[in-house]
PDB file of N, CA and C in Angstrom:
ATOM      1  N   UNK A   1      42.560 -56.765  11.591  1.00  0.00           N
ATOM      2  CA  UNK A   1      42.527 -56.880  12.986  1.00  0.00           C
ATOM      3  C   UNK A   1      42.530 -55.614  13.741  1.00  0.00           C
ATOM      4  N   UNK A   2      41.648 -55.248  14.558  1.00  0.00           N
ATOM      5  CA  UNK A   2      41.403 -54.074  15.469  1.00  0.00           C
ATOM      6  C   UNK A   2      42.645 -54.011  16.369  1.00  0.00           C
ATOM      7  N   UNK A   3      43.123 -52.776  16.622  1.00  0.00           N
ATOM      8  CA  UNK A   3      44.085 -52.885  17.768  1.00  0.00           C
ATOM      9  C   UNK A   3      43.380 -51.730  18.852  1.00  0.00           C
ATOM     10  N   UNK A   4      44.180 -51.582  19.903  1.00  0.00           N
ATOM     11  CA  UNK A   4      43.677 -50.739  20.904  1.00  0.00           C
ATOM     12  C   UNK A   4      44.644 -49.530  21.175  1.00  0.00           C
ATOM     13  N   UNK A   5      44.193 -48.463  21.790  1.00  0.00           N
ATOM     14  CA  UNK A   5      44.860 -47.433  22.096  1.00  0.00           C
ATOM     15  C   UNK A   5      44.444 -46.892  23.428  1.00  0.00           C
ATOM     16  N   UNK A   6      45.311 -46.647  24.489  1.00  0.00           N
ATOM     17  CA  UNK A   6      45.053 -46.277  25.682  1.00  0.00           C
ATOM     18  C   UNK A   6      45.333 -44.651  25.805  1.00  0.00           C
ATOM     19  N   UNK A   7      44.233 -43.941  26.056  1.00  0.00           N
ATOM     20  CA  UNK A   7      44.276 -42.421  25.976  1.00  0.00           C
ATOM     21  C   UNK A   7      45.183 -41.795  27.155  1.00  0.00           C
ATOM     22  N   UNK A   8      45.693 -40.566  26.793  1.00  0.00           N
ATOM     23  CA  UNK A   8      46.395 -39.803  27.804  1.00  0.00           C
ATOM     24  C   UNK A   8      45.449 -38.781  28.038  1.00  0.00           C
ATOM     25  N   UNK A   9      45.635 -37.977  28.967  1.00  0.00           N
ATOM     26  CA  UNK A   9      44.756 -36.786  29.520  1.00  0.00           C
ATOM     27  C   UNK A   9      44.910 -35.862  28.186  1.00  0.00           C
ATOM     28  N   UNK A  10      43.700 -35.389  27.949  1.00  0.00           N
ATOM     29  CA  UNK A  10      43.693 -34.389  26.718  1.00  0.00           C
ATOM     30  C   UNK A  10      43.422 -34.841  25.494  1.00  0.00           C
ATOM     31  N   UNK A  11      43.632 -36.100  25.194  1.00  0.00           N
ATOM     32  CA  UNK A  11      43.388 -36.711  23.991  1.00  0.00           C
ATOM     33  C   UNK A  11      41.977 -36.280  23.198  1.00  0.00           C
ATOM     34  N   UNK A  12      42.105 -36.015  21.947  1.00  0.00           N
ATOM     35  CA  UNK A  12      40.805 -35.654  21.217  1.00  0.00           C
ATOM     36  C   UNK A  12      40.712 -36.702  20.108  1.00  0.00           C
ATOM     37  N   UNK A  13      39.366 -36.948  19.636  1.00  0.00           N
ATOM     38  CA  UNK A  13      39.214 -37.907  18.659  1.00  0.00           C
ATOM     39  C   UNK A  13      40.197 -37.768  17.274  1.00  0.00           C
ATOM     40  N   UNK A  14      40.019 -36.422  16.899  1.00  0.00           N
ATOM     41  CA  UNK A  14      40.753 -36.219  15.696  1.00  0.00           C
ATOM     42  C   UNK A  14      42.345 -36.619  15.849  1.00  0.00           C
ATOM     43  N   UNK A  15      42.966 -36.072  16.934  1.00  0.00           N
ATOM     44  CA  UNK A  15      44.255 -36.309  17.060  1.00  0.00           C
ATOM     45  C   UNK A  15      44.562 -37.827  17.097  1.00  0.00           C
ATOM     46  N   UNK A  16      43.660 -38.699  17.714  1.00  0.00           N
ATOM     47  CA  UNK A  16      43.747 -40.107  17.861  1.00  0.00           C
ATOM     48  C   UNK A  16      43.684 -40.535  16.366  1.00  0.00           C
ATOM     49  N   UNK A  17      42.695 -40.201  15.755  1.00  0.00           N
ATOM     50  CA  UNK A  17      42.619 -40.689  14.318  1.00  0.00           C
ATOM     51  C   UNK A  17      43.641 -40.462  13.509  1.00  0.00           C
ATOM     52  N   UNK A  18      44.346 -39.220  13.496  1.00  0.00           N
ATOM     53  CA  UNK A  18      45.513 -38.927  12.804  1.00  0.00           C
ATOM     54  C   UNK A  18      46.552 -39.808  13.197  1.00  0.00           C
ATOM     55  N   UNK A  19      46.838 -39.836  14.357  1.00  0.00           N
ATOM     56  CA  UNK A  19      48.020 -40.564  14.931  1.00  0.00           C
ATOM     57  C   UNK A  19      47.979 -42.039  14.648  1.00  0.00           C
ATOM     58  N   UNK A  20      46.893 -42.664  14.963  1.00  0.00           N
ATOM     59  CA  UNK A  20      46.685 -44.152  14.993  1.00  0.00           C
ATOM     60  C   UNK A  20      46.174 -44.707  13.788  1.00  0.00           C
ATOM     61  N   UNK A  21      45.477 -43.861  12.984  1.00  0.00           N
ATOM     62  CA  UNK A  21      44.899 -44.400  11.698  1.00  0.00           C
ATOM     63  C   UNK A  21      45.395 -43.745  10.378  1.00  0.00           C
ATOM     64  N   UNK A  22      46.048 -42.619  10.627  1.00  0.00           N
ATOM     65  CA  UNK A  22      46.655 -41.965   9.448  1.00  0.00           C
ATOM     66  C   UNK A  22      46.153 -40.737   8.856  1.00  0.00           C
ATOM     67  N   UNK A  23      44.756 -40.361   9.367  1.00  0.00           N
ATOM     68  CA  UNK A  23      44.014 -39.302   8.733  1.00  0.00           C
ATOM     69  C   UNK A  23      42.931 -38.914   9.897  1.00  0.00           C
ATOM     70  N   UNK A  24      42.717 -37.656   9.969  1.00  0.00           N
ATOM     71  CA  UNK A  24      41.581 -37.076  10.705  1.00  0.00           C
ATOM     72  C   UNK A  24      40.287 -37.456   9.970  1.00  0.00           C
ATOM     73  N   UNK A  25      40.404 -37.838   8.787  1.00  0.00           N
ATOM     74  CA  UNK A  25      39.251 -38.123   8.060  1.00  0.00           C
ATOM     75  C   UNK A  25      38.507 -39.645   8.499  1.00  0.00           C
ATOM     76  N   UNK A  26      39.317 -40.261   9.321  1.00  0.00           N
ATOM     77  CA  UNK A  26      38.820 -41.424  10.014  1.00  0.00           C
ATOM     78  C   UNK A  26      38.322 -41.363  11.305  1.00  0.00           C
ATOM     79  N   UNK A  27      38.060 -39.992  11.693  1.00  0.00           N
ATOM     80  CA  UNK A  27      37.471 -39.594  13.006  1.00  0.00           C
ATOM     81  C   UNK A  27      36.158 -40.288  13.125  1.00  0.00           C
ATOM     82  N   UNK A  28      35.179 -40.214  12.217  1.00  0.00           N
ATOM     83  CA  UNK A  28      33.811 -40.735  12.232  1.00  0.00           C
ATOM     84  C   UNK A  28      34.082 -42.245  12.411  1.00  0.00           C
ATOM     85  N   UNK A  29      34.964 -42.936  11.959  1.00  0.00           N
ATOM     86  CA  UNK A  29      34.993 -44.416  11.878  1.00  0.00           C
ATOM     87  C   UNK A  29      35.399 -44.612  13.350  1.00  0.00           C
ATOM     88  N   UNK A  30      36.365 -44.010  13.956  1.00  0.00           N
ATOM     89  CA  UNK A  30      36.976 -44.192  15.252  1.00  0.00           C
ATOM     90  C   UNK A  30      35.860 -43.958  16.311  1.00  0.00           C
ATOM     91  N   UNK A  31      35.089 -42.966  16.157  1.00  0.00           N
ATOM     92  CA  UNK A  31      34.042 -42.745  17.037  1.00  0.00           C
ATOM     93  C   UNK A  31      32.839 -43.808  17.055  1.00  0.00           C
ATOM     94  N   UNK A  32      32.603 -44.291  15.780  1.00  0.00           N
ATOM     95  CA  UNK A  32      31.680 -45.283  15.757  1.00  0.00           C
ATOM     96  C   UNK A  32      32.093 -46.647  16.473  1.00  0.00           C
ATOM     97  N   UNK A  33      33.486 -46.813  16.268  1.00  0.00           N
ATOM     98  CA  UNK A  33      33.880 -48.013  17.015  1.00  0.00           C
ATOM     99  C   UNK A  33      33.881 -47.951  18.546  1.00  0.00           C
ATOM    100  N   UNK A  34      33.909 -46.773  19.022  1.00  0.00           N
ATOM    101  CA  UNK A  34      33.856 -46.625  20.586  1.00  0.00           C
ATOM    102  C   UNK A  34      32.713 -45.642  20.905  1.00  0.00           C
ATOM    103  N   UNK A  35      31.561 -46.052  20.408  1.00  0.00           N
ATOM    104  CA  UNK A  35      30.209 -45.261  20.524  1.00  0.00           C
ATOM    105  C   UNK A  35      30.036 -44.843  22.107  1.00  0.00           C
ATOM    106  N   UNK A  36      30.420 -45.609  23.030  1.00  0.00           N
ATOM    107  CA  UNK A  36      30.066 -45.623  24.405  1.00  0.00           C
ATOM    108  C   UNK A  36      30.895 -44.120  24.900  1.00  0.00           C
ATOM    109  N   UNK A  37      31.764 -43.719  24.125  1.00  0.00           N
ATOM    110  CA  UNK A  37      32.589 -42.390  24.569  1.00  0.00           C
ATOM    111  C   UNK A  37      32.148 -41.369  23.613  1.00  0.00           C
ATOM    112  N   UNK A  38      31.232 -41.612  22.762  1.00  0.00           N
ATOM    113  CA  UNK A  38      31.090 -40.578  21.597  1.00  0.00           C
ATOM    114  C   UNK A  38      30.631 -39.149  22.233  1.00  0.00           C
ATOM    115  N   UNK A  39      30.114 -39.012  23.357  1.00  0.00           N
ATOM    116  CA  UNK A  39      29.707 -37.909  23.880  1.00  0.00           C
ATOM    117  C   UNK A  39      30.817 -36.946  24.456  1.00  0.00           C
ATOM    118  N   UNK A  40      31.953 -37.493  24.589  1.00  0.00           N
ATOM    119  CA  UNK A  40      33.096 -36.897  25.099  1.00  0.00           C
ATOM    120  C   UNK A  40      33.809 -36.113  23.967  1.00  0.00           C
ATOM    121  N   UNK A  41      34.209 -35.059  24.376  1.00  0.00           N
ATOM    122  CA  UNK A  41      35.033 -34.159  23.178  1.00  0.00           C
ATOM    123  C   UNK A  41      36.454 -34.294  23.546  1.00  0.00           C
ATOM    124  N   UNK A  42      36.874 -34.249  24.900  1.00  0.00           N
ATOM    125  CA  UNK A  42      38.100 -34.320  25.113  1.00  0.00           C
ATOM    126  C   UNK A  42      38.108 -35.725  26.059  1.00  0.00           C
ATOM    127  N   UNK A  43      39.019 -36.705  25.885  1.00  0.00           N
ATOM    128  CA  UNK A  43      38.951 -38.145  26.530  1.00  0.00           C
ATOM    129  C   UNK A  43      39.834 -37.810  27.716  1.00  0.00           C
ATOM    130  N   UNK A  44      39.433 -38.546  28.851  1.00  0.00           N
ATOM    131  CA  UNK A  44      40.376 -38.612  30.090  1.00  0.00           C
ATOM    132  C   UNK A  44      41.406 -39.658  29.928  1.00  0.00           C
ATOM    133  N   UNK A  45      42.468 -39.740  30.570  1.00  0.00           N
ATOM    134  CA  UNK A  45      43.374 -40.559  30.617  1.00  0.00           C
ATOM    135  C   UNK A  45      42.980 -42.053  31.065  1.00  0.00           C
ATOM    136  N   UNK A  46      43.513 -43.044  30.303  1.00  0.00           N
ATOM    137  CA  UNK A  46      43.118 -44.388  30.930  1.00  0.00           C
ATOM    138  C   UNK A  46      42.016 -45.134  30.047  1.00  0.00           C
ATOM    139  N   UNK A  47      41.387 -44.343  29.021  1.00  0.00           N
ATOM    140  CA  UNK A  47      40.444 -45.109  28.377  1.00  0.00           C
ATOM    141  C   UNK A  47      40.948 -45.832  27.203  1.00  0.00           C
ATOM    142  N   UNK A  48      40.550 -47.135  27.220  1.00  0.00           N
ATOM    143  CA  UNK A  48      40.982 -48.037  26.181  1.00  0.00           C
ATOM    144  C   UNK A  48      40.121 -47.938  25.036  1.00  0.00           C
ATOM    145  N   UNK A  49      40.554 -47.521  23.922  1.00  0.00           N
ATOM    146  CA  UNK A  49      39.725 -47.380  22.641  1.00  0.00           C
ATOM    147  C   UNK A  49      40.093 -48.512  21.680  1.00  0.00           C
ATOM    148  N   UNK A  50      39.017 -48.907  21.019  1.00  0.00           N
ATOM    149  CA  UNK A  50      39.397 -49.788  19.776  1.00  0.00           C
ATOM    150  C   UNK A  50      39.679 -48.994  18.601  1.00  0.00           C
ATOM    151  N   UNK A  51      40.809 -49.301  17.877  1.00  0.00           N
ATOM    152  CA  UNK A  51      41.171 -48.549  16.720  1.00  0.00           C
ATOM    153  C   UNK A  51      40.900 -49.559  15.660  1.00  0.00           C
ATOM    154  N   UNK A  52      39.830 -49.056  14.775  1.00  0.00           N
ATOM    155  CA  UNK A  52      39.431 -50.080  13.746  1.00  0.00           C
ATOM    156  C   UNK A  52      40.402 -50.116  12.666  1.00  0.00           C
ATOM    157  N   UNK A  53      40.536 -51.143  11.788  1.00  0.00           N
ATOM    158  CA  UNK A  53      41.344 -51.242  10.716  1.00  0.00           C
ATOM    159  C   UNK A  53      40.793 -50.300   9.574  1.00  0.00           C
ATOM    160  N   UNK A  54      41.681 -49.811   8.753  1.00  0.00           N
ATOM    161  CA  UNK A  54      41.199 -48.745   7.817  1.00  0.00           C
ATOM    162  C   UNK A  54      41.901 -49.355   6.290  1.00  0.00           C
ATOM    163  N   UNK A  55      40.868 -49.249   5.468  1.00  0.00           N
ATOM    164  CA  UNK A  55      41.477 -49.708   3.938  1.00  0.00           C
ATOM    165  C   UNK A  55      41.992 -48.394   3.240  1.00  0.00           C
ATOM    166  N   UNK A  56      42.721 -48.571   2.422  1.00  0.00           N
ATOM    167  CA  UNK A  56      43.131 -47.367   1.628  1.00  0.00           C
ATOM    168  C   UNK A  56      41.957 -46.861   0.857  1.00  0.00           C
ATOM    169  N   UNK A  57      41.778 -45.644   1.048  1.00  0.00           N
ATOM    170  CA  UNK A  57      40.699 -45.036   0.319  1.00  0.00           C
ATOM    171  C   UNK A  57      41.142 -43.734  -0.423  1.00  0.00           C
ATOM    172  N   UNK A  58      41.765 -43.825  -1.556  1.00  0.00           N
ATOM    173  CA  UNK A  58      42.153 -42.695  -2.241  1.00  0.00           C
ATOM    174  C   UNK A  58      40.878 -41.824  -2.562  1.00  0.00           C
ATOM    175  N   UNK A  59      41.271 -40.465  -2.515  1.00  0.00           N
ATOM    176  CA  UNK A  59      40.226 -39.357  -2.715  1.00  0.00           C
ATOM    177  C   UNK A  59      39.400 -39.020  -1.412  1.00  0.00           C
ATOM    178  N   UNK A  60      39.899 -39.358  -0.395  1.00  0.00           N
ATOM    179  CA  UNK A  60      39.284 -38.925   0.852  1.00  0.00           C
ATOM    180  C   UNK A  60      39.568 -37.579   1.241  1.00  0.00           C
ATOM    181  N   UNK A  61      39.678 -36.597   0.400  1.00  0.00           N
ATOM    182  CA  UNK A  61      39.821 -35.266   0.553  1.00  0.00           C
ATOM    183  C   UNK A  61      38.791 -34.486   1.376  1.00  0.00           C
ATOM    184  N   UNK A  62      37.625 -34.818   1.245  1.00  0.00           N
ATOM    185  CA  UNK A  62      36.459 -34.215   1.957  1.00  0.00           C
ATOM    186  C   UNK A  62      36.062 -34.867   3.543  1.00  0.00           C
ATOM    187  N   UNK A  63      35.823 -34.076   4.417  1.00  0.00           N
ATOM    188  CA  UNK A  63      35.342 -34.755   5.659  1.00  0.00           C
ATOM    189  C   UNK A  63      34.073 -35.392   5.520  1.00  0.00           C
ATOM    190  N   UNK A  64      33.660 -36.289   6.390  1.00  0.00           N
ATOM    191  CA  UNK A  64      32.527 -37.170   6.242  1.00  0.00           C
ATOM    192  C   UNK A  64      31.160 -36.246   6.077  1.00  0.00           C
ATOM    193  N   UNK A  65      31.126 -35.130   6.847  1.00  0.00           N
ATOM    194  CA  UNK A  65      29.864 -34.192   6.837  1.00  0.00           C
ATOM    195  C   UNK A  65      29.848 -33.441   5.364  1.00  0.00           C
ATOM    196  N   UNK A  66      30.886 -33.322   4.664  1.00  0.00           N
ATOM    197  CA  UNK A  66      30.841 -32.726   3.438  1.00  0.00           C
ATOM    198  C   UNK A  66      30.715 -33.782   2.356  1.00  0.00           C
ATOM    199  N   UNK A  67      30.886 -35.087   2.707  1.00  0.00           N
ATOM    200  CA  UNK A  67      30.575 -36.318   1.713  1.00  0.00           C
ATOM    201  C   UNK A  67      29.209 -36.628   1.840  1.00  0.00           C
ATOM    202  N   UNK A  68      28.472 -36.207   2.690  1.00  0.00           N
ATOM    203  CA  UNK A  68      26.970 -36.579   2.878  1.00  0.00           C
ATOM    204  C   UNK A  68      26.951 -37.864   3.865  1.00  0.00           C
ATOM    205  N   UNK A  69      27.729 -38.290   4.460  1.00  0.00           N
ATOM    206  CA  UNK A  69      27.877 -39.539   5.399  1.00  0.00           C
ATOM    207  C   UNK A  69      27.423 -39.198   6.642  1.00  0.00           C
ATOM    208  N   UNK A  70      26.361 -39.772   7.044  1.00  0.00           N
ATOM    209  CA  UNK A  70      25.914 -39.538   8.488  1.00  0.00           C
ATOM    210  C   UNK A  70      26.650 -40.537   9.501  1.00  0.00           C
ATOM    211  N   UNK A  71      26.888 -39.949  10.615  1.00  0.00           N
ATOM    212  CA  UNK A  71      27.546 -40.925  11.605  1.00  0.00           C
ATOM    213  C   UNK A  71      26.461 -41.539  12.480  1.00  0.00           C
TER     214      UNK A  71
END
Protein backbone atom coordinates (compact mmCIF):
# COMPACT_ATOMS: atom_id res chain seq x y z
CA UNK A 1 0.00 0.00 0.00
CA UNK A 2 1.27 3.46 -0.87
CA UNK A 3 1.60 6.08 1.81
CA UNK A 4 1.83 9.85 1.54
CA UNK A 5 4.28 12.49 2.66
CA UNK A 6 3.61 16.22 2.98
CA UNK A 7 6.66 18.26 2.04
CA UNK A 8 8.29 20.95 4.09
CA UNK A 9 9.98 23.95 2.50
CA UNK A 10 13.26 22.97 0.87
CA UNK A 11 12.57 19.25 0.53
CA UNK A 12 14.34 17.58 -2.39
CA UNK A 13 13.57 14.27 -4.11
CA UNK A 14 16.64 12.39 -2.92
CA UNK A 15 16.17 13.42 0.70
CA UNK A 16 12.54 12.29 0.65
CA UNK A 17 13.46 8.99 -1.01
CA UNK A 18 16.14 8.36 1.61
CA UNK A 19 13.98 9.27 4.60
CA UNK A 20 10.71 7.70 3.45
CA UNK A 21 11.87 4.77 1.30
CA UNK A 22 15.25 3.90 2.79
CA UNK A 23 17.59 4.80 -0.08
CA UNK A 24 18.30 7.61 -2.52
CA UNK A 25 18.32 4.88 -5.16
CA UNK A 26 14.51 4.97 -5.05
CA UNK A 27 14.45 8.62 -6.18
CA UNK A 28 13.45 7.63 -9.73
CA UNK A 29 10.53 5.56 -8.44
CA UNK A 30 9.41 8.42 -6.19
CA UNK A 31 9.48 10.91 -9.06
CA UNK A 32 7.57 8.54 -11.37
CA UNK A 33 4.87 8.17 -8.70
CA UNK A 34 4.54 11.98 -8.56
CA UNK A 35 5.15 12.94 -12.18
CA UNK A 36 3.12 16.16 -11.91
CA UNK A 37 5.94 17.58 -9.75
CA UNK A 38 8.84 16.06 -11.69
CA UNK A 39 9.99 19.41 -13.07
CA UNK A 40 10.67 20.74 -9.57
CA UNK A 41 14.14 20.36 -8.10
CA UNK A 42 13.24 21.72 -4.68
CA UNK A 43 9.68 21.18 -3.52
CA UNK A 44 7.60 23.84 -1.75
CA UNK A 45 5.93 23.20 1.58
CA UNK A 46 2.55 21.50 1.62
CA UNK A 47 2.83 19.24 -1.44
CA UNK A 48 1.32 15.83 -0.71
CA UNK A 49 3.43 13.19 -2.43
CA UNK A 50 2.63 9.54 -2.95
CA UNK A 51 5.35 7.33 -1.49
CA UNK A 52 5.29 4.08 -3.48
CA UNK A 53 5.88 0.77 -1.80
CA UNK A 54 9.38 -0.64 -2.28
CA UNK A 55 10.49 -4.20 -2.43
CA UNK A 56 13.82 -5.37 -1.09
CA UNK A 57 16.26 -5.32 -3.98
CA UNK A 58 19.70 -6.44 -2.92
CA UNK A 59 22.51 -5.17 -5.10
CA UNK A 60 21.03 -1.73 -5.74
CA UNK A 61 24.46 -0.21 -5.40
CA UNK A 62 24.31 1.72 -8.69
CA UNK A 63 21.99 4.67 -9.35
CA UNK A 64 19.37 4.23 -12.11
CA UNK A 65 21.32 6.19 -14.75
CA UNK A 66 24.28 3.84 -14.29
CA UNK A 67 22.08 0.73 -14.40
CA UNK A 68 20.70 1.74 -17.80
CA UNK A 69 17.19 2.40 -16.51
CA UNK A 70 15.38 5.29 -18.13
CA UNK A 71 12.96 7.36 -16.11
